[in-house]
């Protein structure tokens, strides 16, 4: 008789676990509280049109290529991808703007026109060191089931020799950037990568330089949005025999004092299993939302440890001025104030950085002849369990964001009925115990990456997956977490 696994949650981590275990011959049942797979990879309906309201950046192609292959499929047969020529378009309220590319020479020419040769030389050194850090950490940290500072240090010295000196977690990203860039706008641009893991560049370790290298390896647009990727992952799991039950929230992870035995749904139905994988914010376990038996399954964290939340607006709108690309970032002047406002004062500054994903634009072409599909986002504190964002306060924040965008050279005209807002309290309701954090705990301090829960929990038979556990947030990392959990169960080496 095949062994049975229950997966609670069909986000990226749960989906990758479902593929890995079903392909290995396990009976897999996935229970998802919402009506479709994807977790944060979801769409909002705006006037009958779906707009991605969560992750929008597809990177680390190899993670999905290898996962789909283990599931017996080819990624390119399941998902239609178009590689972006530009990484992103960046604009500032002083009227300057800069496009960056995969190709280092193209980006160097752009930076030379934007700034000067000193910063071009700094950019090239930044790329070199980011690649070294990425290559050292890819196998020694990302793919390691439960890294420790001592074990990682040994492996870095063993594999990297003198190159390991480029890994300087004792130094903040913000401070490290001053070694490469004298232009404050470039420090802003590369400091923004800390927000990819829900953190402040003022506090996160300089090792996050590797994220810029990951983007230079390739950024793709997914036809149908990131939601299409989630559905494709679910299809691969289904092909291998996994079973999905949607609109089926889990009330409790059942078991005795020593191990888990299955789950009980809110409907009252119970299901038995050999193992349970929880694909949700680990804080939900700490808060007892899945029962008292599993309260101590993961390392608890405090409210101040939470990573960033966000206010998002999914809209159909008309734009004019500077042409948007698929990914766009609009900066104001005082970047440090944005993060002290969020993490020290639990608020949003008057001039926030604004991200705009123009979902109908691919490599400079706009596929829409009517209103464009836009996701507009500003960072926010993860206090969604303690504060409520009223329509008036959300509209006020939108006006501030639109002002930054306009001063960056783009006018966005949107009617109220074509704009759907989501605040930290909405994110908290969708992902219980998170406070609205989209990233789990913030990666602040040199040891922060080692405080995340690992795939194997403190309760026998219970495993963890998702962006709140190792190796961290973001769709590729959450996908890796699900594979790590499955491999722990299967007893396979990474």
Protein backbone atom coordinates (compact mmCIF):
# COMPACT_ATOMS: atom_id res chain seq x y z
CA UNK A 1 0.00 0.00 0.00
CA UNK A 2 1.36 3.43 -0.92
CA UNK A 3 1.99 5.96 1.79
CA UNK A 4 -0.27 8.97 2.13
CA UNK A 5 0.63 12.64 2.47
CA UNK A 6 -1.73 15.50 3.23
CA UNK A 7 -0.71 18.97 2.12
CA UNK A 8 -2.39 21.95 3.77
CA UNK A 9 -2.31 24.82 1.28
CA UNK A 10 -1.78 24.95 -2.48
CA UNK A 11 0.76 27.76 -2.73
CA UNK A 12 4.06 27.28 -4.55
CA UNK A 13 5.55 25.21 -1.72
CA UNK A 14 2.54 22.92 -1.42
CA UNK A 15 2.33 22.46 -5.18
CA UNK A 16 5.99 21.49 -5.52
CA UNK A 17 5.63 19.02 -2.62
CA UNK A 18 2.57 17.54 -4.33
CA UNK A 19 4.51 17.05 -7.58
CA UNK A 20 7.54 15.50 -5.85
CA UNK A 21 5.57 13.07 -3.66
CA UNK A 22 2.96 12.02 -6.22
CA UNK A 23 5.70 11.38 -8.78
CA UNK A 24 7.40 9.17 -6.17
CA UNK A 25 4.27 7.05 -5.86
CA UNK A 26 2.73 8.55 -2.74
CA UNK A 27 -1.00 9.14 -2.37
CA UNK A 28 -1.28 12.92 -2.06
CA UNK A 29 -4.28 14.98 -0.94
CA UNK A 30 -4.09 18.76 -1.06
CA UNK A 31 -6.58 20.83 0.95
CA UNK A 32 -6.82 24.50 -0.02
CA UNK A 33 -9.01 27.09 1.70
CA UNK A 34 -9.51 29.12 -1.47
CA UNK A 35 -11.16 28.20 -4.75
CA UNK A 36 -8.02 27.57 -6.80
CA UNK A 37 -4.30 26.79 -6.43
CA UNK A 38 -1.60 29.42 -6.19
CA UNK A 39 -1.67 31.06 -2.77
CA UNK A 40 -0.21 34.52 -3.38
CA UNK A 41 -0.11 33.75 -7.12
CA UNK A 42 -3.66 34.93 -7.68
CA UNK A 43 -5.65 37.34 -9.81
CA UNK A 44 -8.19 40.00 -8.96
CA UNK A 45 -11.20 40.52 -11.20
CA UNK A 46 -11.45 44.11 -12.41
CA UNK A 47 -14.33 44.70 -14.79
CA UNK A 48 -14.34 41.07 -15.88
CA UNK A 49 -10.58 40.99 -16.54
CA UNK A 50 -8.08 39.07 -14.40
CA UNK A 51 -5.07 41.03 -13.10
CA UNK A 52 -2.20 39.40 -11.19
CA UNK A 53 -2.44 40.76 -7.65
CA UNK A 54 0.55 39.01 -6.10
CA UNK A 55 3.96 37.94 -7.44
CA UNK A 56 4.72 39.16 -10.95
CA UNK A 57 8.42 38.35 -11.47
CA UNK A 58 9.41 34.94 -12.87
CA UNK A 59 13.09 34.13 -12.25
CA UNK A 60 15.24 31.04 -11.50
CA UNK A 61 13.86 29.20 -14.51
CA UNK A 62 15.95 26.14 -13.57
CA UNK A 63 13.94 25.55 -10.37
CA UNK A 64 10.73 24.98 -12.34
CA UNK A 65 12.38 23.25 -15.25
CA UNK A 66 13.85 20.60 -12.93
CA UNK A 67 10.64 20.28 -10.89
CA UNK A 68 8.45 19.73 -13.96
CA UNK A 69 10.98 17.21 -15.29
CA UNK A 70 10.75 15.22 -12.05
CA UNK A 71 6.99 15.34 -12.52
CA UNK A 72 7.33 13.83 -16.00
CA UNK A 73 6.63 17.01 -17.98
CA UNK A 74 8.53 19.76 -19.78
CA UNK A 75 8.04 23.26 -18.42
CA UNK A 76 7.86 24.83 -21.88
CA UNK A 77 5.04 22.45 -22.82
CA UNK A 78 3.01 23.56 -19.80
CA UNK A 79 3.70 27.29 -19.52
CA UNK A 80 4.23 29.89 -22.25
CA UNK A 81 7.18 32.12 -21.33
CA UNK A 82 8.67 35.17 -23.02
CA UNK A 83 12.06 36.37 -21.83
CA UNK A 84 12.14 40.09 -21.07
CA UNK A 85 14.78 42.13 -22.88
CA UNK A 86 14.76 44.69 -20.07
CA UNK A 87 14.99 43.72 -16.42
CA UNK A 88 13.03 46.83 -15.44
CA UNK A 89 12.51 50.51 -16.18
CA UNK A 90 13.39 52.85 -13.30
CA UNK A 91 12.34 56.49 -12.92
CA UNK A 92 12.94 59.19 -10.32
CA UNK A 93 10.93 62.23 -9.31
CA UNK A 94 13.79 64.44 -10.58
CA UNK A 95 12.91 63.32 -14.12
CA UNK A 96 15.81 60.90 -14.65
CA UNK A 97 15.25 57.32 -15.71
CA UNK A 98 17.33 54.18 -16.30
CA UNK A 99 16.67 50.85 -18.02
CA UNK A 100 18.66 47.80 -16.95
CA UNK A 101 19.27 44.68 -19.02
CA UNK A 102 20.48 41.11 -18.66
CA UNK A 103 23.54 42.02 -20.67
CA UNK A 104 26.16 43.70 -18.47
CA UNK A 105 27.55 45.72 -21.40
CA UNK A 106 24.12 47.12 -22.30
CA UNK A 107 23.50 48.08 -18.67
CA UNK A 108 26.99 49.61 -18.45
CA UNK A 109 26.27 51.86 -21.45
CA UNK A 110 22.95 52.86 -19.89
CA UNK A 111 24.59 53.66 -16.54
CA UNK A 112 27.31 55.69 -18.28
CA UNK A 113 24.62 57.89 -19.88
CA UNK A 114 22.64 58.02 -16.63
CA UNK A 115 25.55 58.66 -14.25
CA UNK A 116 29.32 58.40 -14.96
CA UNK A 117 32.20 55.99 -15.61
CA UNK A 118 33.04 55.68 -11.91
CA UNK A 119 29.62 54.16 -11.29
CA UNK A 120 29.96 51.93 -14.37
CA UNK A 121 33.14 50.49 -12.88
CA UNK A 122 31.32 50.05 -9.56
CA UNK A 123 28.44 48.31 -11.34
CA UNK A 124 30.79 45.81 -12.95
CA UNK A 125 32.42 45.02 -9.58
CA UNK A 126 28.95 44.68 -8.05
CA UNK A 127 27.98 42.16 -10.74
CA UNK A 128 31.19 40.18 -10.24
CA UNK A 129 30.75 39.95 -6.47
CA UNK A 130 27.03 39.18 -6.75
CA UNK A 131 27.80 36.24 -9.02
CA UNK A 132 30.41 34.91 -6.58
CA UNK A 133 27.93 35.12 -3.69
CA UNK A 134 25.18 33.44 -5.72
CA UNK A 135 27.40 30.58 -6.84
CA UNK A 136 28.64 29.94 -3.30
CA UNK A 137 25.18 30.02 -1.72
CA UNK A 138 23.14 28.21 -4.39
CA UNK A 139 24.12 24.72 -3.24
CA UNK A 140 25.51 25.52 0.21
CA UNK A 141 22.46 27.42 1.45
CA UNK A 142 19.45 27.42 -0.88
CA UNK A 143 19.47 23.66 -1.51
CA UNK A 144 20.63 22.71 1.99
CA UNK A 145 17.77 21.33 4.13
CA UNK A 146 18.87 22.91 7.42
CA UNK A 147 21.90 25.20 7.15
CA UNK A 148 23.76 26.48 10.20
CA UNK A 149 26.28 29.35 10.39
CA UNK A 150 29.14 26.97 11.23
CA UNK A 151 28.26 24.48 8.50
CA UNK A 152 27.79 27.23 5.92
CA UNK A 153 31.06 28.91 6.88
CA UNK A 154 32.95 25.65 6.47
CA UNK A 155 31.40 24.94 3.06
CA UNK A 156 32.05 28.46 1.80
CA UNK A 157 35.73 28.26 2.70
CA UNK A 158 35.95 24.73 1.29
CA UNK A 159 34.28 25.58 -2.01
CA UNK A 160 35.13 29.24 -2.42
CA UNK A 161 38.52 29.81 -0.84
CA UNK A 162 39.35 33.52 -0.98
CA UNK A 163 36.16 34.16 -2.93
CA UNK A 164 34.25 33.37 0.26
CA UNK A 165 35.37 36.77 1.57
CA UNK A 166 32.80 38.30 -0.79
CA UNK A 167 30.09 36.87 1.48
CA UNK A 168 29.95 39.56 4.16
CA UNK A 169 26.72 39.03 6.13
CA UNK A 170 27.96 41.21 8.99
CA UNK A 171 27.57 44.25 6.72
CA UNK A 172 24.22 45.68 5.69
CA UNK A 173 23.29 45.79 2.02
CA UNK A 174 22.87 49.56 2.24
CA UNK A 175 26.37 50.06 3.62
CA UNK A 176 27.90 47.62 1.14
CA UNK A 177 26.34 49.45 -1.82
CA UNK A 178 28.35 52.57 -1.01
CA UNK A 179 31.48 50.58 -1.94
CA UNK A 180 30.18 50.26 -5.49
CA UNK A 181 28.05 53.33 -6.18
CA UNK A 182 28.64 57.00 -5.40
CA UNK A 183 25.39 57.90 -7.19
CA UNK A 184 22.60 57.75 -4.55
CA UNK A 185 20.05 56.80 -7.20
CA UNK A 186 21.96 53.59 -7.96
CA UNK A 187 22.13 52.78 -4.26
CA UNK A 188 18.35 53.17 -4.19
CA UNK A 189 17.92 50.93 -7.20
CA UNK A 190 20.04 48.08 -5.87
CA UNK A 191 18.88 48.54 -2.29
CA UNK A 192 15.37 47.76 -3.55
CA UNK A 193 16.31 44.09 -3.89
CA UNK A 194 16.03 43.77 -0.11
CA UNK A 195 12.28 44.26 -0.53
CA UNK A 196 12.15 41.05 -2.58
CA UNK A 197 12.51 39.25 0.76
CA UNK A 198 10.30 41.71 2.65
CA UNK A 199 13.16 43.56 4.30
CA UNK A 200 14.87 46.90 4.70
CA UNK A 201 18.17 47.45 2.85
CA UNK A 202 19.33 49.32 5.97
CA UNK A 203 19.15 46.12 8.03
CA UNK A 204 19.42 43.15 5.69
CA UNK A 205 22.82 41.50 5.05
CA UNK A 206 24.87 42.35 1.98
CA UNK A 207 24.59 38.76 0.73
CA UNK A 208 21.30 39.82 -0.89
CA UNK A 209 23.41 41.25 -3.69
CA UNK A 210 22.86 37.80 -5.18
CA UNK A 211 19.24 38.70 -6.06
CA UNK A 212 20.48 41.14 -8.68
CA UNK A 213 22.55 38.32 -10.18
CA UNK A 214 19.49 36.05 -10.23
CA UNK A 215 17.62 38.64 -12.28
CA UNK A 216 20.53 39.00 -14.69
CA UNK A 217 20.22 35.26 -15.34
CA UNK A 218 16.77 35.90 -16.78
CA UNK A 219 13.35 37.40 -16.14
CA UNK A 220 10.35 35.99 -18.00
CA UNK A 221 6.76 37.07 -18.60
CA UNK A 222 4.22 34.27 -18.13
CA UNK A 223 1.31 34.20 -20.58
CA UNK A 224 -1.80 34.28 -18.42
CA UNK A 225 0.17 35.68 -15.49
CA UNK A 226 1.75 33.93 -12.52
CA UNK A 227 -1.65 32.36 -11.82
CA UNK A 228 -1.08 30.30 -14.98
CA UNK A 229 2.15 28.95 -13.49
CA UNK A 230 0.28 27.84 -10.37
CA UNK A 231 -2.37 26.07 -12.43
CA UNK A 232 0.32 24.37 -14.51
CA UNK A 233 2.03 23.09 -11.35
CA UNK A 234 -1.30 21.74 -10.10
CA UNK A 235 -1.88 20.00 -13.44
CA UNK A 236 1.47 18.20 -13.18
CA UNK A 237 0.57 17.01 -9.68
CA UNK A 238 -2.85 15.87 -10.92
CA UNK A 239 -1.21 13.96 -13.78
CA UNK A 240 0.79 12.07 -11.19
CA UNK A 241 -2.30 11.16 -9.17
CA UNK A 242 -2.54 13.94 -6.60
CA UNK A 243 -6.01 14.95 -5.44
CA UNK A 244 -7.03 18.57 -4.78
CA UNK A 245 -9.93 19.75 -2.65
CA UNK A 246 -10.60 23.48 -2.90
CA UNK A 247 -12.78 25.62 -0.61
CA UNK A 248 -11.68 23.17 2.08
CA UNK A 249 -10.03 25.02 4.98
CA UNK A 250 -8.28 22.88 7.59
CA UNK A 251 -9.39 23.40 11.19
CA UNK A 252 -6.80 21.23 12.92
CA UNK A 253 -3.74 19.09 12.30
CA UNK A 254 -4.57 15.99 14.32
CA UNK A 255 -2.38 13.56 16.23
CA UNK A 256 -1.16 12.73 19.72
CA UNK A 257 1.48 14.26 21.98
CA UNK A 258 4.29 12.91 19.84
CA UNK A 259 3.29 12.96 16.17
CA UNK A 260 0.65 14.00 13.66
CA UNK A 261 -1.89 11.63 12.13
CA UNK A 262 -3.90 13.73 9.68
CA UNK A 263 -6.23 16.73 9.53
CA UNK A 264 -9.75 17.80 10.42
CA UNK A 265 -11.49 20.21 8.07
CA UNK A 266 -13.72 23.06 9.19
CA UNK A 267 -16.57 21.05 7.71
CA UNK A 268 -15.89 18.37 10.32
CA UNK A 269 -14.46 15.71 7.99
CA UNK A 270 -11.27 13.99 9.11
CA UNK A 271 -8.51 12.48 6.97
CA UNK A 272 -5.61 10.24 8.03
CA UNK A 273 -2.08 10.41 6.64
CA UNK A 274 1.47 9.26 7.29
CA UNK A 275 2.78 12.82 7.01
CA UNK A 276 1.33 16.32 6.83
CA UNK A 277 2.97 19.25 5.02
CA UNK A 278 1.82 22.68 6.14
CA UNK A 279 2.15 25.26 3.35
CA UNK A 280 1.20 28.47 5.12
CA UNK A 281 2.74 31.14 7.30
CA UNK A 282 4.50 29.28 10.12
CA UNK A 283 3.12 31.88 12.54
CA UNK A 284 -0.31 30.24 12.14
CA UNK A 285 1.09 27.18 13.92
CA UNK A 286 2.54 29.30 16.72
CA UNK A 287 -0.81 31.03 17.18
CA UNK A 288 -2.66 27.72 17.56
CA UNK A 289 -4.73 28.19 14.41
CA UNK A 290 -4.07 24.56 13.44
CA UNK A 291 -4.52 23.16 16.96
CA UNK A 292 -2.58 23.07 20.21
CA UNK A 293 -0.64 19.92 19.28
CA UNK A 294 1.44 21.76 16.70
CA UNK A 295 1.93 25.12 18.45
CA UNK A 296 5.62 24.42 19.00
CA UNK A 297 6.32 22.98 15.57
CA UNK A 298 8.13 26.11 14.36
CA UNK A 299 10.26 28.83 15.91
CA UNK A 300 7.97 31.61 17.17
CA UNK A 301 8.49 35.18 16.00
CA UNK A 302 7.29 38.53 17.26
CA UNK A 303 5.29 41.20 15.47
CA UNK A 304 8.41 43.33 14.98
CA UNK A 305 10.10 40.46 13.13
CA UNK A 306 7.51 40.41 10.34
CA UNK A 307 8.57 41.21 6.81
CA UNK A 308 6.91 43.82 4.64
CA UNK A 309 3.26 43.90 3.75
CA UNK A 310 1.94 45.96 0.85
CA UNK A 311 -0.93 48.02 -0.42
CA UNK A 312 -1.77 47.04 -3.97
CA UNK A 313 -4.15 48.40 -6.57
CA UNK A 314 -5.21 46.21 -9.47
CA UNK A 315 -6.55 48.52 -12.13
CA UNK A 316 -7.51 48.96 -15.74
CA UNK A 317 -6.23 52.38 -16.70
CA UNK A 318 -4.92 54.61 -19.47
CA UNK A 319 -1.33 55.81 -19.34
CA UNK A 320 0.61 58.59 -21.03
CA UNK A 321 4.09 60.08 -20.84
CA UNK A 322 7.12 57.81 -20.42
CA UNK A 323 6.36 54.40 -21.92
CA UNK A 324 6.00 51.70 -19.30
CA UNK A 325 7.77 48.36 -19.58
CA UNK A 326 6.49 45.17 -17.93
CA UNK A 327 8.35 45.97 -14.66
CA UNK A 328 8.68 49.60 -13.53
CA UNK A 329 9.91 51.25 -10.34
CA UNK A 330 9.38 54.89 -9.38
CA UNK A 331 11.68 56.39 -6.74
CA UNK A 332 11.39 59.55 -4.65
CA UNK A 333 14.39 61.17 -2.94
CA UNK A 334 14.62 59.94 0.66
CA UNK A 335 14.87 56.16 0.43
CA UNK A 336 15.98 55.59 4.02
CA UNK A 337 12.87 57.36 5.35
CA UNK A 338 10.66 54.80 3.61
CA UNK A 339 12.06 51.96 5.73
CA UNK A 340 12.38 53.80 9.03
CA UNK A 341 8.72 54.81 8.56
CA UNK A 342 7.66 51.18 8.08
CA UNK A 343 9.85 49.31 10.54
CA UNK A 344 10.38 51.97 13.25
CA UNK A 345 7.16 53.99 13.09
CA UNK A 346 4.77 51.40 11.54
CA UNK A 347 3.60 53.78 8.85
CA UNK A 348 4.11 54.73 5.19
CA UNK A 349 6.13 57.82 4.26
CA UNK A 350 4.60 60.60 2.18
CA UNK A 351 6.70 59.71 -0.89
CA UNK A 352 6.95 55.93 -1.12
CA UNK A 353 8.73 53.94 -3.80
CA UNK A 354 6.10 52.61 -6.22
CA UNK A 355 6.27 49.42 -8.27
CA UNK A 356 4.08 49.14 -11.37
CA UNK A 357 3.64 45.91 -13.31
CA UNK A 358 2.17 46.75 -16.72
CA UNK A 359 0.82 43.30 -17.53
CA UNK A 360 -0.11 43.99 -21.14
CA UNK A 361 3.41 45.17 -22.02
CA UNK A 362 6.05 42.67 -23.11
CA UNK A 363 9.38 43.91 -24.50
CA UNK A 364 8.03 47.34 -25.25
CA UNK A 365 4.84 46.25 -26.98
CA UNK A 366 1.44 46.89 -25.44
CA UNK A 367 -1.11 44.16 -26.17
CA UNK A 368 -4.09 46.20 -24.96
CA UNK A 369 -5.94 48.71 -27.12
CA UNK A 370 -8.19 49.70 -24.22
CA UNK A 371 -7.38 50.10 -20.56
CA UNK A 372 -4.06 48.56 -19.54
CA UNK A 373 -3.92 45.97 -16.76
CA UNK A 374 -1.73 47.43 -14.02
CA UNK A 375 -0.63 46.27 -10.58
CA UNK A 376 0.50 49.27 -8.51
CA UNK A 377 2.25 48.48 -5.20
CA UNK A 378 3.74 50.32 -2.23
CA UNK A 379 5.38 48.71 0.80
CA UNK A 380 3.54 48.80 4.13
CA UNK A 381 3.99 47.56 7.71
CA UNK A 382 2.63 44.10 8.45
CA UNK A 383 0.10 45.22 11.05
CA UNK A 384 -3.00 43.93 9.31
CA UNK A 385 -4.16 42.19 12.49
CA UNK A 386 -4.11 45.49 14.40
CA UNK A 387 -5.20 48.07 11.87
CA UNK A 388 -7.92 48.49 9.29
CA UNK A 389 -7.38 50.33 6.05
CA UNK A 390 -10.56 52.21 5.17
CA UNK A 391 -11.47 53.16 1.60
CA UNK A 392 -10.51 56.75 2.41
CA UNK A 393 -7.04 55.89 3.74
CA UNK A 394 -6.42 53.55 0.80
CA UNK A 395 -7.44 56.30 -1.60
CA UNK A 396 -5.11 58.74 0.16
CA UNK A 397 -2.21 56.30 -0.22
CA UNK A 398 -3.09 55.80 -3.88
CA UNK A 399 -2.99 59.56 -4.46
CA UNK A 400 0.49 59.71 -2.95
CA UNK A 401 1.66 56.79 -5.09
CA UNK A 402 0.19 58.36 -8.23
CA UNK A 403 1.98 61.62 -7.44
CA UNK A 404 5.35 59.83 -7.29
CA UNK A 405 4.54 58.07 -10.59
CA UNK A 406 3.51 61.34 -12.23
CA UNK A 407 6.67 63.12 -11.12
CA UNK A 408 8.56 60.15 -12.56
CA UNK A 409 7.08 60.94 -15.96
CA UNK A 410 3.93 58.79 -16.26
CA UNK A 411 0.28 59.83 -15.97
CA UNK A 412 -2.19 57.10 -14.99
CA UNK A 413 -5.88 57.82 -15.49
CA UNK A 414 -8.16 55.35 -13.72
CA UNK A 415 -11.84 55.39 -12.79
CA UNK A 416 -12.88 54.17 -9.34
CA UNK A 417 -14.89 51.23 -10.64
CA UNK A 418 -11.79 49.95 -12.45
CA UNK A 419 -9.53 49.90 -9.39
CA UNK A 420 -9.45 47.22 -6.65
CA UNK A 421 -7.33 47.91 -3.54
CA UNK A 422 -5.84 45.37 -1.15
CA UNK A 423 -4.37 46.44 2.20
CA UNK A 424 -2.43 44.65 4.97
CA UNK A 425 -5.67 43.71 6.72
CA UNK A 426 -6.90 41.99 3.55
CA UNK A 427 -3.61 40.10 3.22
CA UNK A 428 -3.87 39.07 6.87
CA UNK A 429 -7.38 37.71 6.31
CA UNK A 430 -6.18 35.74 3.29
CA UNK A 431 -3.06 34.43 5.08
CA UNK A 432 -3.95 34.08 8.77
CA UNK A 433 -1.44 35.01 11.49
CA UNK A 434 0.76 36.86 8.99
CA UNK A 435 -0.35 40.37 9.91
CA UNK A 436 -0.32 40.84 6.16
CA UNK A 437 3.37 40.04 5.75
CA UNK A 438 3.94 38.64 2.28
CA UNK A 439 7.36 37.23 3.17
CA UNK A 440 7.25 35.64 6.62
CA UNK A 441 9.94 37.09 8.87
CA UNK A 442 12.17 39.96 7.75
CA UNK A 443 15.76 39.07 6.86
CA UNK A 444 17.34 41.56 9.25
CA UNK A 445 20.78 40.86 10.73
CA UNK A 446 23.51 38.44 9.73
CA UNK A 447 21.88 35.42 11.39
CA UNK A 448 18.31 36.08 10.27
CA UNK A 449 18.42 33.50 7.48
CA UNK A 450 19.22 30.78 10.02
CA UNK A 451 16.21 31.56 12.23
CA UNK A 452 13.65 30.46 9.67
CA UNK A 453 11.97 27.15 10.32
CA UNK A 454 13.31 24.26 8.24
CA UNK A 455 11.33 21.70 6.26
CA UNK A 456 11.40 19.21 9.12
CA UNK A 457 9.38 20.60 12.03
CA UNK A 458 9.70 19.90 15.74
CA UNK A 459 6.67 17.57 15.58
CA UNK A 460 7.16 14.11 14.13
CA UNK A 461 5.41 13.65 10.80
CA UNK A 462 4.82 17.39 10.27
CA UNK A 463 6.79 19.18 7.58
CA UNK A 464 6.77 22.82 6.51
CA UNK A 465 6.85 24.57 3.14
CA UNK A 466 6.31 28.09 1.84
CA UNK A 467 7.91 31.50 1.91
CA UNK A 468 8.03 31.74 5.71
CA UNK A 469 10.42 28.78 6.00
CA UNK A 470 13.88 27.99 4.61
CA UNK A 471 15.20 28.94 2.07
CA UNK A 472 12.97 32.03 2.15
CA UNK A 473 10.28 34.05 0.34
CA UNK A 474 9.54 34.49 -3.33
CA UNK A 475 7.98 32.00 -5.73
CA UNK A 476 11.22 30.19 -6.68
CA UNK A 477 12.37 29.91 -3.06
CA UNK A 478 8.95 28.77 -1.84
CA UNK A 479 8.98 26.18 -4.63
CA UNK A 480 12.38 24.97 -3.44
CA UNK A 481 11.02 24.72 0.11
CA UNK A 482 8.33 22.31 -1.04
CA UNK A 483 10.92 20.15 -2.79
CA UNK A 484 13.09 20.18 0.34
CA UNK A 485 10.12 19.04 2.44
CA UNK A 486 9.35 16.21 0.00
CA UNK A 487 12.98 15.12 -0.07
CA UNK A 488 13.11 15.04 3.72
CA UNK A 489 10.08 12.73 3.64
CA UNK A 490 11.54 10.55 0.90
CA UNK A 491 14.96 10.46 2.55
CA UNK A 492 16.69 11.72 -0.57
CA UNK A 493 19.85 13.76 -0.72
CA UNK A 494 19.46 17.26 -2.09
